[in-house]
PDB file of N, CA and C in Angstrom:
ATOM      1  N   MET A   1       5.603  -2.336 -15.572  1.00  0.00           N
ATOM      2  CA  MET A   1       6.643  -1.525 -15.271  1.00  0.00           C
ATOM      3  C   MET A   1       7.072  -1.934 -13.930  1.00  0.00           C
ATOM      4  N   PRO A   2       8.373  -2.080 -14.075  1.00  0.00           N
ATOM      5  CA  PRO A   2       9.101  -2.616 -12.500  1.00  0.00           C
ATOM      6  C   PRO A   2       8.699  -1.339 -11.442  1.00  0.00           C
ATOM      7  N   LEU A   3       8.700  -1.952 -10.452  1.00  0.00           N
ATOM      8  CA  LEU A   3       8.400  -0.930  -9.091  1.00  0.00           C
ATOM      9  C   LEU A   3       9.489   0.316  -8.956  1.00  0.00           C
ATOM     10  N   ASP A   4      10.807  -0.169  -9.265  1.00  0.00           N
ATOM     11  CA  ASP A   4      11.796   0.727  -9.069  1.00  0.00           C
ATOM     12  C   ASP A   4      11.654   1.817 -10.088  1.00  0.00           C
ATOM     13  N   GLU A   5      11.271   1.432 -11.329  1.00  0.00           N
ATOM     14  CA  GLU A   5      11.013   2.280 -12.527  1.00  0.00           C
ATOM     15  C   GLU A   5      10.004   3.164 -12.139  1.00  0.00           C
ATOM     16  N   MET A   6       8.804   3.022 -11.583  1.00  0.00           N
ATOM     17  CA  MET A   6       7.748   3.714 -11.214  1.00  0.00           C
ATOM     18  C   MET A   6       8.209   4.764 -10.159  1.00  0.00           C
ATOM     19  N   TYR A   7       9.011   4.075  -9.110  1.00  0.00           N
ATOM     20  CA  TYR A   7       9.301   5.184  -7.901  1.00  0.00           C
ATOM     21  C   TYR A   7      10.315   6.161  -8.500  1.00  0.00           C
ATOM     22  N   SER A   8      11.283   5.785  -9.611  1.00  0.00           N
ATOM     23  CA  SER A   8      12.088   6.695  -9.993  1.00  0.00           C
ATOM     24  C   SER A   8      11.345   7.761 -10.668  1.00  0.00           C
ATOM     25  N   MET A   9      10.362   7.386 -11.321  1.00  0.00           N
ATOM     26  CA  MET A   9       9.354   8.622 -12.193  1.00  0.00           C
ATOM     27  C   MET A   9       8.629   9.236 -11.183  1.00  0.00           C
ATOM     28  N   LEU A  10       8.063   8.733 -10.151  1.00  0.00           N
ATOM     29  CA  LEU A  10       7.403   9.535  -9.002  1.00  0.00           C
ATOM     30  C   LEU A  10       8.473  10.555  -8.623  1.00  0.00           C
ATOM     31  N   LYS A  11       9.614  10.203  -8.132  1.00  0.00           N
ATOM     32  CA  LYS A  11      10.670  10.901  -7.462  1.00  0.00           C
ATOM     33  C   LYS A  11      10.798  11.968  -8.274  1.00  0.00           C
ATOM     34  N   GLN A  12      10.886  11.918  -9.494  1.00  0.00           N
ATOM     35  CA  GLN A  12      11.315  13.082 -10.554  1.00  0.00           C
ATOM     36  C   GLN A  12      10.074  13.983 -10.745  1.00  0.00           C
ATOM     37  N   GLY A  13       9.048  13.581  -9.936  1.00  0.00           N
ATOM     38  CA  GLY A  13       7.841  14.796 -10.337  1.00  0.00           C
ATOM     39  C   GLY A  13       6.796  14.238 -11.462  1.00  0.00           C
ATOM     40  N   SER A  14       7.024  12.938 -11.799  1.00  0.00           N
ATOM     41  CA  SER A  14       6.109  12.612 -12.869  1.00  0.00           C
ATOM     42  C   SER A  14       4.699  11.850 -12.369  1.00  0.00           C
ATOM     43  N   ARG A  15       3.659  11.947 -12.972  1.00  0.00           N
ATOM     44  CA  ARG A  15       2.590  11.182 -12.582  1.00  0.00           C
ATOM     45  C   ARG A  15       2.355   9.751 -13.349  1.00  0.00           C
ATOM     46  N   ILE A  16       2.042   8.937 -12.535  1.00  0.00           N
ATOM     47  CA  ILE A  16       1.354   7.658 -13.059  1.00  0.00           C
ATOM     48  C   ILE A  16       0.083   7.264 -13.227  1.00  0.00           C
ATOM     49  N   ARG A  17      -0.388   6.660 -14.143  1.00  0.00           N
ATOM     50  CA  ARG A  17      -1.685   6.336 -14.480  1.00  0.00           C
ATOM     51  C   ARG A  17      -1.607   4.816 -14.549  1.00  0.00           C
ATOM     52  N   ILE A  18      -2.578   4.174 -13.348  1.00  0.00           N
ATOM     53  CA  ILE A  18      -2.403   2.747 -13.298  1.00  0.00           C
ATOM     54  C   ILE A  18      -3.662   2.016 -13.683  1.00  0.00           C
ATOM     55  N   ALA A  19      -3.544   0.903 -14.372  1.00  0.00           N
ATOM     56  CA  ALA A  19      -4.865   0.282 -14.827  1.00  0.00           C
ATOM     57  C   ALA A  19      -4.518  -1.257 -14.657  1.00  0.00           C
ATOM     58  N   GLU A  20      -5.420  -2.092 -14.712  1.00  0.00           N
ATOM     59  CA  GLU A  20      -5.434  -3.664 -15.213  1.00  0.00           C
ATOM     60  C   GLU A  20      -4.532  -3.686 -16.347  1.00  0.00           C
ATOM     61  N   GLU A  21      -3.802  -4.782 -16.636  1.00  0.00           N
ATOM     62  CA  GLU A  21      -2.848  -4.838 -17.580  1.00  0.00           C
ATOM     63  C   GLU A  21      -3.931  -5.041 -19.249  1.00  0.00           C
ATOM     64  N   ASP A  22      -3.621  -4.189 -19.975  1.00  0.00           N
ATOM     65  CA  ASP A  22      -4.318  -4.323 -21.268  1.00  0.00           C
ATOM     66  C   ASP A  22      -5.497  -3.675 -21.313  1.00  0.00           C
ATOM     67  N   GLU A  23      -5.853  -2.948 -20.121  1.00  0.00           N
ATOM     68  CA  GLU A  23      -7.227  -2.010 -19.936  1.00  0.00           C
ATOM     69  C   GLU A  23      -7.030  -0.753 -19.938  1.00  0.00           C
ATOM     70  N   MET A  24      -7.926  -0.095 -20.051  1.00  0.00           N
ATOM     71  CA  MET A  24      -7.852   1.624 -19.920  1.00  0.00           C
ATOM     72  C   MET A  24      -8.493   1.927 -18.676  1.00  0.00           C
ATOM     73  N   TYR A  25      -9.804   1.251 -18.533  1.00  0.00           N
ATOM     74  CA  TYR A  25     -10.733   1.595 -17.521  1.00  0.00           C
ATOM     75  C   TYR A  25     -10.997   0.236 -16.468  1.00  0.00           C
ATOM     76  N   PRO A  26     -11.078   0.588 -15.274  1.00  0.00           N
ATOM     77  CA  PRO A  26     -10.793   1.695 -14.575  1.00  0.00           C
ATOM     78  C   PRO A  26      -9.440   2.054 -14.158  1.00  0.00           C
ATOM     79  N   ASN A  27      -9.042   3.234 -13.947  1.00  0.00           N
ATOM     80  CA  ASN A  27      -7.887   3.617 -13.860  1.00  0.00           C
ATOM     81  C   ASN A  27      -7.565   4.732 -12.593  1.00  0.00           C
ATOM     82  N   PHE A  28      -6.321   4.963 -12.162  1.00  0.00           N
ATOM     83  CA  PHE A  28      -6.175   6.063 -11.448  1.00  0.00           C
ATOM     84  C   PHE A  28      -4.824   6.359 -11.390  1.00  0.00           C
ATOM     85  N   GLU A  29      -4.623   7.755 -10.864  1.00  0.00           N
ATOM     86  CA  GLU A  29      -3.331   8.266 -11.409  1.00  0.00           C
ATOM     87  C   GLU A  29      -2.998   8.710  -9.985  1.00  0.00           C
ATOM     88  N   THR A  30      -1.429   8.386  -9.828  1.00  0.00           N
ATOM     89  CA  THR A  30      -0.895   8.805  -8.572  1.00  0.00           C
ATOM     90  C   THR A  30       0.489   9.526  -8.781  1.00  0.00           C
ATOM     91  N   TRP A  31       0.906  10.048  -7.671  1.00  0.00           N
ATOM     92  CA  TRP A  31       2.097  11.058  -7.687  1.00  0.00           C
ATOM     93  C   TRP A  31       2.444  11.261  -6.310  1.00  0.00           C
ATOM     94  N   PHE A  32       3.746  11.844  -5.960  1.00  0.00           N
ATOM     95  CA  PHE A  32       3.981  12.247  -4.747  1.00  0.00           C
ATOM     96  C   PHE A  32       3.281  13.784  -4.454  1.00  0.00           C
ATOM     97  N   VAL A  33       3.072  14.051  -3.353  1.00  0.00           N
ATOM     98  CA  VAL A  33       2.481  15.223  -2.794  1.00  0.00           C
ATOM     99  C   VAL A  33       3.541  16.398  -3.168  1.00  0.00           C
ATOM    100  N   SER A  34       3.104  17.601  -3.778  1.00  0.00           N
ATOM    101  CA  SER A  34       3.901  18.607  -4.189  1.00  0.00           C
ATOM    102  C   SER A  34       3.347  20.142  -3.809  1.00  0.00           C
ATOM    103  N   ASN A  35       2.251  20.077  -2.969  1.00  0.00           N
ATOM    104  CA  ASN A  35       1.974  21.318  -2.516  1.00  0.00           C
ATOM    105  C   ASN A  35       0.923  21.263  -1.457  1.00  0.00           C
ATOM    106  N   ASP A  36       0.546  22.345  -0.783  1.00  0.00           N
ATOM    107  CA  ASP A  36      -0.327  22.241   0.501  1.00  0.00           C
ATOM    108  C   ASP A  36      -1.769  21.711  -0.209  1.00  0.00           C
ATOM    109  N   VAL A  37      -2.053  22.048  -1.290  1.00  0.00           N
ATOM    110  CA  VAL A  37      -3.556  21.590  -1.486  1.00  0.00           C
ATOM    111  C   VAL A  37      -3.402  20.269  -1.743  1.00  0.00           C
ATOM    112  N   GLU A  38      -2.598  19.520  -2.278  1.00  0.00           N
ATOM    113  CA  GLU A  38      -2.447  18.257  -2.303  1.00  0.00           C
ATOM    114  C   GLU A  38      -2.378  17.406  -1.104  1.00  0.00           C
ATOM    115  N   ARG A  39      -1.668  17.888  -0.072  1.00  0.00           N
ATOM    116  CA  ARG A  39      -1.354  17.659   1.143  1.00  0.00           C
ATOM    117  C   ARG A  39      -2.728  17.597   1.792  1.00  0.00           C
ATOM    118  N   GLU A  40      -3.400  18.755   1.764  1.00  0.00           N
ATOM    119  CA  GLU A  40      -4.673  18.597   2.546  1.00  0.00           C
ATOM    120  C   GLU A  40      -5.884  17.724   1.881  1.00  0.00           C
ATOM    121  N   ALA A  41      -5.687  17.441   0.722  1.00  0.00           N
ATOM    122  CA  ALA A  41      -6.467  16.331   0.146  1.00  0.00           C
ATOM    123  C   ALA A  41      -6.326  14.958   0.659  1.00  0.00           C
ATOM    124  N   LEU A  42      -4.750  14.554   0.964  1.00  0.00           N
ATOM    125  CA  LEU A  42      -4.841  13.413   1.596  1.00  0.00           C
ATOM    126  C   LEU A  42      -5.199  13.258   2.943  1.00  0.00           C
ATOM    127  N   SER A  43      -4.846  14.748   3.625  1.00  0.00           N
ATOM    128  CA  SER A  43      -5.463  14.826   5.124  1.00  0.00           C
ATOM    129  C   SER A  43      -7.095  14.781   5.572  1.00  0.00           C
ATOM    130  N   ASN A  44      -7.689  15.079   4.179  1.00  0.00           N
ATOM    131  CA  ASN A  44      -9.329  15.062   4.547  1.00  0.00           C
ATOM    132  C   ASN A  44      -9.692  14.450   3.171  1.00  0.00           C
ATOM    133  N   PRO A  45      -9.551  13.044   3.384  1.00  0.00           N
ATOM    134  CA  PRO A  45     -10.122  12.544   2.102  1.00  0.00           C
ATOM    135  C   PRO A  45     -11.735  12.346   2.263  1.00  0.00           C
ATOM    136  N   LEU A  46     -12.424  11.765   0.991  1.00  0.00           N
ATOM    137  CA  LEU A  46     -13.754  11.425   1.114  1.00  0.00           C
ATOM    138  C   LEU A  46     -13.571   9.729   0.959  1.00  0.00           C
ATOM    139  N   THR A  47     -14.255   9.127   1.719  1.00  0.00           N
ATOM    140  CA  THR A  47     -13.993   7.625   1.815  1.00  0.00           C
ATOM    141  C   THR A  47     -15.389   7.228   0.819  1.00  0.00           C
ATOM    142  N   VAL A  48     -15.196   6.541  -0.189  1.00  0.00           N
ATOM    143  CA  VAL A  48     -16.260   6.058  -1.042  1.00  0.00           C
ATOM    144  C   VAL A  48     -16.089   4.237  -0.920  1.00  0.00           C
ATOM    145  N   THR A  49     -17.347   4.003  -0.655  1.00  0.00           N
ATOM    146  CA  THR A  49     -17.592   2.587  -0.253  1.00  0.00           C
ATOM    147  C   THR A  49     -18.354   1.921  -1.611  1.00  0.00           C
ATOM    148  N   PHE A  50     -17.697   0.619  -1.533  1.00  0.00           N
ATOM    149  CA  PHE A  50     -18.123  -0.294  -2.816  1.00  0.00           C
ATOM    150  C   PHE A  50     -18.491  -1.579  -2.171  1.00  0.00           C
ATOM    151  N   ASP A  51     -19.163  -2.256  -2.963  1.00  0.00           N
ATOM    152  CA  ASP A  51     -19.744  -3.840  -2.606  1.00  0.00           C
ATOM    153  C   ASP A  51     -18.396  -4.383  -1.784  1.00  0.00           C
ATOM    154  N   LYS A  52     -17.068  -4.462  -2.440  1.00  0.00           N
ATOM    155  CA  LYS A  52     -16.100  -5.201  -2.212  1.00  0.00           C
ATOM    156  C   LYS A  52     -14.726  -4.355  -1.423  1.00  0.00           C
ATOM    157  N   GLY A  53     -15.322  -3.236  -0.949  1.00  0.00           N
ATOM    158  CA  GLY A  53     -14.445  -2.425  -0.353  1.00  0.00           C
ATOM    159  C   GLY A  53     -14.478  -0.798  -0.373  1.00  0.00           C
ATOM    160  N   GLN A  54     -13.553  -0.240   0.054  1.00  0.00           N
ATOM    161  CA  GLN A  54     -13.467   1.234  -0.166  1.00  0.00           C
ATOM    162  C   GLN A  54     -12.271   1.645  -0.410  1.00  0.00           C
ATOM    163  N   ILE A  55     -12.392   2.989  -1.073  1.00  0.00           N
ATOM    164  CA  ILE A  55     -11.195   3.786  -1.494  1.00  0.00           C
ATOM    165  C   ILE A  55     -11.365   5.263  -0.867  1.00  0.00           C
ATOM    166  N   ASP A  56     -10.417   5.749  -0.618  1.00  0.00           N
ATOM    167  CA  ASP A  56     -10.351   7.536  -0.277  1.00  0.00           C
ATOM    168  C   ASP A  56      -9.905   8.101  -1.373  1.00  0.00           C
ATOM    169  N   ILE A  57     -10.508   9.237  -1.758  1.00  0.00           N
ATOM    170  CA  ILE A  57     -10.531  10.196  -2.985  1.00  0.00           C
ATOM    171  C   ILE A  57     -10.284  11.530  -2.315  1.00  0.00           C
ATOM    172  N   SER A  58     -10.038  12.444  -3.121  1.00  0.00           N
ATOM    173  CA  SER A  58      -9.959  13.813  -2.575  1.00  0.00           C
ATOM    174  C   SER A  58     -11.498  14.556  -2.568  1.00  0.00           C
ATOM    175  N   PRO A  59     -11.400  15.513  -1.864  1.00  0.00           N
ATOM    176  CA  PRO A  59     -12.863  15.792  -1.482  1.00  0.00           C
ATOM    177  C   PRO A  59     -13.608  16.487  -2.548  1.00  0.00           C
ATOM    178  N   LEU A  60     -14.760  16.297  -2.767  1.00  0.00           N
ATOM    179  CA  LEU A  60     -15.613  16.881  -4.059  1.00  0.00           C
ATOM    180  C   LEU A  60     -15.220  18.266  -4.395  1.00  0.00           C
ATOM    181  N   GLU A  61     -15.156  19.094  -3.242  1.00  0.00           N
ATOM    182  CA  GLU A  61     -14.870  20.679  -3.676  1.00  0.00           C
ATOM    183  C   GLU A  61     -13.531  20.726  -4.210  1.00  0.00           C
ATOM    184  N   LEU A  62     -12.663  20.153  -3.627  1.00  0.00           N
ATOM    185  CA  LEU A  62     -11.258  20.246  -4.326  1.00  0.00           C
ATOM    186  C   LEU A  62     -11.327  19.678  -5.673  1.00  0.00           C
ATOM    187  N   GLN A  63     -12.259  18.525  -5.919  1.00  0.00           N
ATOM    188  CA  GLN A  63     -12.091  17.913  -7.423  1.00  0.00           C
ATOM    189  C   GLN A  63     -12.785  19.033  -8.426  1.00  0.00           C
ATOM    190  N   ILE A  64     -13.938  19.868  -7.920  1.00  0.00           N
ATOM    191  CA  ILE A  64     -14.485  20.834  -8.750  1.00  0.00           C
ATOM    192  C   ILE A  64     -13.774  21.957  -9.077  1.00  0.00           C
ATOM    193  N   ALA A  65     -12.692  22.572  -7.945  1.00  0.00           N
ATOM    194  CA  ALA A  65     -11.836  23.515  -8.138  1.00  0.00           C
ATOM    195  C   ALA A  65     -10.725  23.009  -9.056  1.00  0.00           C
ATOM    196  N   TYR A  66     -10.543  21.989  -8.930  1.00  0.00           N
ATOM    197  CA  TYR A  66      -8.794  21.331  -9.762  1.00  0.00           C
ATOM    198  C   TYR A  66      -9.642  21.284 -11.080  1.00  0.00           C
ATOM    199  N   LYS A  67     -10.648  20.776 -11.293  1.00  0.00           N
ATOM    200  CA  LYS A  67     -11.122  20.543 -12.935  1.00  0.00           C
ATOM    201  C   LYS A  67     -11.279  22.112 -13.583  1.00  0.00           C
ATOM    202  N   LEU A  68     -11.971  22.899 -12.678  1.00  0.00           N
ATOM    203  CA  LEU A  68     -11.942  24.226 -13.215  1.00  0.00           C
ATOM    204  C   LEU A  68     -10.584  24.930 -13.338  1.00  0.00           C
ATOM    205  N   ARG A  69      -9.446  24.637 -12.691  1.00  0.00           N
ATOM    206  CA  ARG A  69      -8.141  24.796 -13.134  1.00  0.00           C
ATOM    207  C   ARG A  69      -7.782  24.565 -14.398  1.00  0.00           C
ATOM    208  N   LEU A  70      -8.094  23.064 -14.516  1.00  0.00           N
ATOM    209  CA  LEU A  70      -7.562  22.424 -15.818  1.00  0.00           C
ATOM    210  C   LEU A  70      -8.190  23.119 -17.122  1.00  0.00           C
ATOM    211  N   ALA A  71      -9.397  23.496 -16.738  1.00  0.00           N
ATOM    212  CA  ALA A  71     -10.416  23.922 -17.763  1.00  0.00           C
ATOM    213  C   ALA A  71      -9.643  25.346 -18.157  1.00  0.00           C
ATOM    214  N   GLN A  72      -9.430  26.129 -16.958  1.00  0.00           N
ATOM    215  CA  GLN A  72      -8.649  27.622 -17.342  1.00  0.00           C
ATOM    216  C   GLN A  72      -7.456  27.597 -17.925  1.00  0.00           C
ATOM    217  N   ALA A  73      -6.686  26.473 -17.784  1.00  0.00           N
ATOM    218  CA  ALA A  73      -5.275  25.931 -18.123  1.00  0.00           C
ATOM    219  C   ALA A  73      -5.457  25.872 -19.825  1.00  0.00           C
ATOM    220  N   ALA A  74      -6.601  24.934 -20.080  1.00  0.00           N
ATOM    221  CA  ALA A  74      -6.896  24.853 -21.510  1.00  0.00           C
ATOM    222  C   ALA A  74      -7.712  26.097 -22.340  1.00  0.00           C
ATOM    223  N   ASP A  75      -8.183  27.219 -21.386  1.00  0.00           N
ATOM    224  CA  ASP A  75      -8.823  28.191 -22.176  1.00  0.00           C
ATOM    225  C   ASP A  75     -10.080  27.829 -22.479  1.00  0.00           C
ATOM    226  N   SER A  76     -10.858  26.961 -21.680  1.00  0.00           N
ATOM    227  CA  SER A  76     -12.142  26.472 -22.253  1.00  0.00           C
ATOM    228  C   SER A  76     -13.049  26.066 -21.377  1.00  0.00           C
ATOM    229  N   LEU A  77     -14.466  26.975 -21.766  1.00  0.00           N
ATOM    230  CA  LEU A  77     -15.675  26.716 -20.994  1.00  0.00           C
ATOM    231  C   LEU A  77     -16.448  25.410 -21.653  1.00  0.00           C
ATOM    232  N   SER A  78     -16.133  24.899 -22.718  1.00  0.00           N
ATOM    233  CA  SER A  78     -16.583  23.869 -23.212  1.00  0.00           C
ATOM    234  C   SER A  78     -16.178  22.522 -23.380  1.00  0.00           C
ATOM    235  N   GLY A  79     -14.776  22.349 -22.644  1.00  0.00           N
ATOM    236  CA  GLY A  79     -14.202  21.052 -22.796  1.00  0.00           C
ATOM    237  C   GLY A  79     -14.555  20.052 -21.603  1.00  0.00           C
ATOM    238  N   LYS A  80     -13.705  18.937 -21.872  1.00  0.00           N
ATOM    239  CA  LYS A  80     -14.051  17.901 -20.819  1.00  0.00           C
ATOM    240  C   LYS A  80     -13.949  18.324 -19.340  1.00  0.00           C
ATOM    241  N   ASP A  81     -12.893  19.157 -18.925  1.00  0.00           N
ATOM    242  CA  ASP A  81     -12.619  19.469 -17.530  1.00  0.00           C
ATOM    243  C   ASP A  81     -13.899  20.306 -17.015  1.00  0.00           C
ATOM    244  N   PHE A  82     -14.205  21.302 -17.764  1.00  0.00           N
ATOM    245  CA  PHE A  82     -15.269  22.147 -17.334  1.00  0.00           C
ATOM    246  C   PHE A  82     -16.517  21.528 -17.198  1.00  0.00           C
ATOM    247  N   GLU A  83     -16.907  20.525 -18.248  1.00  0.00           N
ATOM    248  CA  GLU A  83     -17.897  19.638 -18.071  1.00  0.00           C
ATOM    249  C   GLU A  83     -17.858  18.671 -16.819  1.00  0.00           C
ATOM    250  N   ASP A  84     -16.433  17.971 -16.599  1.00  0.00           N
ATOM    251  CA  ASP A  84     -16.563  17.527 -15.385  1.00  0.00           C
ATOM    252  C   ASP A  84     -16.873  18.213 -14.120  1.00  0.00           C
ATOM    253  N   ALA A  85     -16.431  19.405 -13.889  1.00  0.00           N
ATOM    254  CA  ALA A  85     -16.628  20.330 -12.712  1.00  0.00           C
ATOM    255  C   ALA A  85     -17.971  20.460 -12.529  1.00  0.00           C
ATOM    256  N   LEU A  86     -18.737  20.794 -13.998  1.00  0.00           N
ATOM    257  CA  LEU A  86     -20.291  21.062 -13.879  1.00  0.00           C
ATOM    258  C   LEU A  86     -20.802  19.972 -13.488  1.00  0.00           C
ATOM    259  N   HIS A  87     -20.598  18.631 -13.747  1.00  0.00           N
ATOM    260  CA  HIS A  87     -21.285  17.554 -13.596  1.00  0.00           C
ATOM    261  C   HIS A  87     -21.103  17.326 -12.045  1.00  0.00           C
ATOM    262  N   LEU A  88     -20.058  17.372 -11.552  1.00  0.00           N
ATOM    263  CA  LEU A  88     -19.697  17.260  -9.980  1.00  0.00           C
ATOM    264  C   LEU A  88     -20.673  18.120  -9.152  1.00  0.00           C
ATOM    265  N   HIS A  89     -20.647  19.395  -9.707  1.00  0.00           N
ATOM    266  CA  HIS A  89     -21.204  20.591  -9.058  1.00  0.00           C
ATOM    267  C   HIS A  89     -22.781  20.275  -8.994  1.00  0.00           C
ATOM    268  N   LEU A  90     -23.368  19.840 -10.056  1.00  0.00           N
ATOM    269  CA  LEU A  90     -24.994  19.557 -10.327  1.00  0.00           C
ATOM    270  C   LEU A  90     -25.066  18.321  -9.314  1.00  0.00           C
ATOM    271  N   THR A  91     -24.361  17.258  -9.417  1.00  0.00           N
ATOM    272  CA  THR A  91     -24.613  15.981  -8.942  1.00  0.00           C
ATOM    273  C   THR A  91     -24.396  15.949  -7.281  1.00  0.00           C
ATOM    274  N   PHE A  92     -23.819  16.656  -7.102  1.00  0.00           N
ATOM    275  CA  PHE A  92     -23.195  16.694  -5.459  1.00  0.00           C
ATOM    276  C   PHE A  92     -23.574  18.064  -4.848  1.00  0.00           C
ATOM    277  N   GLU A  93     -24.407  18.845  -5.442  1.00  0.00           N
ATOM    278  CA  GLU A  93     -24.564  20.126  -4.824  1.00  0.00           C
ATOM    279  C   GLU A  93     -25.243  20.326  -3.233  1.00  0.00           C
ATOM    280  N   GLU A  94     -25.937  19.217  -3.050  1.00  0.00           N
ATOM    281  CA  GLU A  94     -26.508  19.269  -1.812  1.00  0.00           C
ATOM    282  C   GLU A  94     -25.561  18.679  -0.948  1.00  0.00           C
ATOM    283  N   ARG A  95     -24.472  18.075  -1.305  1.00  0.00           N
ATOM    284  CA  ARG A  95     -23.533  17.192  -0.286  1.00  0.00           C
ATOM    285  C   ARG A  95     -22.190  18.123   0.168  1.00  0.00           C
ATOM    286  N   PHE A  96     -21.752  18.679  -0.921  1.00  0.00           N
ATOM    287  CA  PHE A  96     -20.337  19.660  -0.327  1.00  0.00           C
ATOM    288  C   PHE A  96     -20.767  20.935   0.219  1.00  0.00           C
ATOM    289  N   ASN A  97     -19.865  21.294   0.528  1.00  0.00           N
ATOM    290  CA  ASN A  97     -19.472  22.197   1.299  1.00  0.00           C
ATOM    291  C   ASN A  97     -19.172  23.605   0.685  1.00  0.00           C
ATOM    292  N   THR A  98     -20.219  24.552   0.404  1.00  0.00           N
ATOM    293  CA  THR A  98     -19.563  25.817  -0.603  1.00  0.00           C
ATOM    294  C   THR A  98     -18.688  26.402  -0.103  1.00  0.00           C
ATOM    295  N   GLU A  99     -18.813  26.986   1.130  1.00  0.00           N
ATOM    296  CA  GLU A  99     -17.601  27.638   1.527  1.00  0.00           C
ATOM    297  C   GLU A  99     -16.131  27.136   1.480  1.00  0.00           C
ATOM    298  N   GLN A 100     -16.280  25.699   1.498  1.00  0.00           N
ATOM    299  CA  GLN A 100     -14.709  24.980   1.466  1.00  0.00           C
ATOM    300  C   GLN A 100     -14.292  25.009  -0.193  1.00  0.00           C
ATOM    301  N   LEU A 101     -15.480  24.927  -1.036  1.00  0.00           N
ATOM    302  CA  LEU A 101     -15.293  24.957  -2.460  1.00  0.00           C
ATOM    303  C   LEU A 101     -14.790  26.382  -2.681  1.00  0.00           C
ATOM    304  N   GLU A 102     -15.355  27.331  -2.487  1.00  0.00           N
ATOM    305  CA  GLU A 102     -14.883  28.606  -2.796  1.00  0.00           C
ATOM    306  C   GLU A 102     -13.605  29.045  -2.271  1.00  0.00           C
ATOM    307  N   THR A 103     -13.239  28.416  -0.891  1.00  0.00           N
ATOM    308  CA  THR A 103     -11.895  28.433  -0.494  1.00  0.00           C
ATOM    309  C   THR A 103     -10.858  28.119  -1.526  1.00  0.00           C
ATOM    310  N   TYR A 104     -11.067  26.631  -2.153  1.00  0.00           N
ATOM    311  CA  TYR A 104     -10.228  26.003  -3.058  1.00  0.00           C
ATOM    312  C   TYR A 104     -10.141  26.966  -4.270  1.00  0.00           C
ATOM    313  N   VAL A 105     -11.194  27.615  -4.705  1.00  0.00           N
ATOM    314  CA  VAL A 105     -11.486  28.295  -6.043  1.00  0.00           C
ATOM    315  C   VAL A 105     -10.525  29.217  -5.784  1.00  0.00           C
ATOM    316  N   LYS A 106     -10.554  29.979  -4.870  1.00  0.00           N
ATOM    317  CA  LYS A 106      -9.584  31.024  -4.798  1.00  0.00           C
ATOM    318  C   LYS A 106      -8.012  30.765  -4.487  1.00  0.00           C
ATOM    319  N   GLU A 107      -7.878  29.544  -3.928  1.00  0.00           N
ATOM    320  CA  GLU A 107      -6.643  29.067  -3.587  1.00  0.00           C
ATOM    321  C   GLU A 107      -5.924  28.761  -5.146  1.00  0.00           C
ATOM    322  N   LEU A 108      -6.875  28.283  -5.847  1.00  0.00           N
ATOM    323  CA  LEU A 108      -6.443  27.769  -7.240  1.00  0.00           C
ATOM    324  C   LEU A 108      -6.689  29.236  -8.333  1.00  0.00           C
ATOM    325  N   GLY A 109      -7.202  30.051  -8.061  1.00  0.00           N
ATOM    326  CA  GLY A 109      -7.290  31.238  -8.748  1.00  0.00           C
ATOM    327  C   GLY A 109      -7.986  31.048 -10.065  1.00  0.00           C
ATOM    328  N   VAL A 110      -9.318  30.454  -9.555  1.00  0.00           N
ATOM    329  CA  VAL A 110     -10.213  30.221 -10.964  1.00  0.00           C
ATOM    330  C   VAL A 110     -11.836  30.737 -10.512  1.00  0.00           C
ATOM    331  N   GLU A 111     -11.727  31.943  -9.820  1.00  0.00           N
ATOM    332  CA  GLU A 111     -12.884  32.603  -9.578  1.00  0.00           C
ATOM    333  C   GLU A 111     -13.869  32.824 -10.901  1.00  0.00           C
ATOM    334  N   ASP A 112     -13.263  33.297 -11.991  1.00  0.00           N
ATOM    335  CA  ASP A 112     -14.024  33.543 -12.954  1.00  0.00           C
ATOM    336  C   ASP A 112     -14.643  32.203 -13.768  1.00  0.00           C
ATOM    337  N   TYR A 113     -13.927  31.123 -13.757  1.00  0.00           N
ATOM    338  CA  TYR A 113     -14.611  30.081 -14.243  1.00  0.00           C
ATOM    339  C   TYR A 113     -15.519  29.312 -13.467  1.00  0.00           C
ATOM    340  N   TYR A 114     -15.533  29.511 -11.936  1.00  0.00           N
ATOM    341  CA  TYR A 114     -16.391  29.423 -11.041  1.00  0.00           C
ATOM    342  C   TYR A 114     -17.608  30.323 -11.030  1.00  0.00           C
ATOM    343  N   ALA A 115     -17.669  31.235 -11.508  1.00  0.00           N
ATOM    344  CA  ALA A 115     -18.695  32.201 -11.655  1.00  0.00           C
ATOM    345  C   ALA A 115     -19.590  31.577 -13.043  1.00  0.00           C
ATOM    346  N   GLU A 116     -18.640  31.285 -14.163  1.00  0.00           N
ATOM    347  CA  GLU A 116     -19.463  30.720 -15.112  1.00  0.00           C
ATOM    348  C   GLU A 116     -20.035  29.485 -14.681  1.00  0.00           C
ATOM    349  N   LEU A 117     -19.605  28.401 -13.974  1.00  0.00           N
ATOM    350  CA  LEU A 117     -20.115  27.215 -13.495  1.00  0.00           C
ATOM    351  C   LEU A 117     -21.527  27.483 -12.705  1.00  0.00           C
ATOM    352  N   LYS A 118     -21.495  28.519 -11.975  1.00  0.00           N
ATOM    353  CA  LYS A 118     -22.633  28.840 -11.096  1.00  0.00           C
ATOM    354  C   LYS A 118     -23.515  29.303 -12.096  1.00  0.00           C
ATOM    355  N   SER A 119     -23.405  29.961 -12.899  1.00  0.00           N
ATOM    356  CA  SER A 119     -24.415  30.496 -14.040  1.00  0.00           C
ATOM    357  C   SER A 119     -24.891  29.602 -14.983  1.00  0.00           C
ATOM    358  N   VAL A 120     -24.525  28.190 -14.844  1.00  0.00           N
ATOM    359  CA  VAL A 120     -25.281  27.347 -16.090  1.00  0.00           C
ATOM    360  C   VAL A 120     -26.570  26.675 -15.242  1.00  0.00           C
TER     361      VAL A 120
END
């Protein structure tokens, strides 16, 4: 897809998933910032280092809360998004800031889903 077409889509509020040609994975999604939570994610990134470089990603706390919001939107405690949130929570529990996670949970209105996550 030409860059000017991609820019036009982003400007209209669309999100674009990007991957190597003829490949599905790995991939990433990009979009223009549209709210304070997204703005904060860009302001406080988590840097992940690989053998050949590094990439900034959103904070783990925000990723968990966001996945819970997707699960809530799907009205599902058994779908992929809730499972993703649970996996991140269990895998990185000793690394993330619980207070910050709970702030994001409140901001995104997913307190009930967070309670379910903690009870697992």
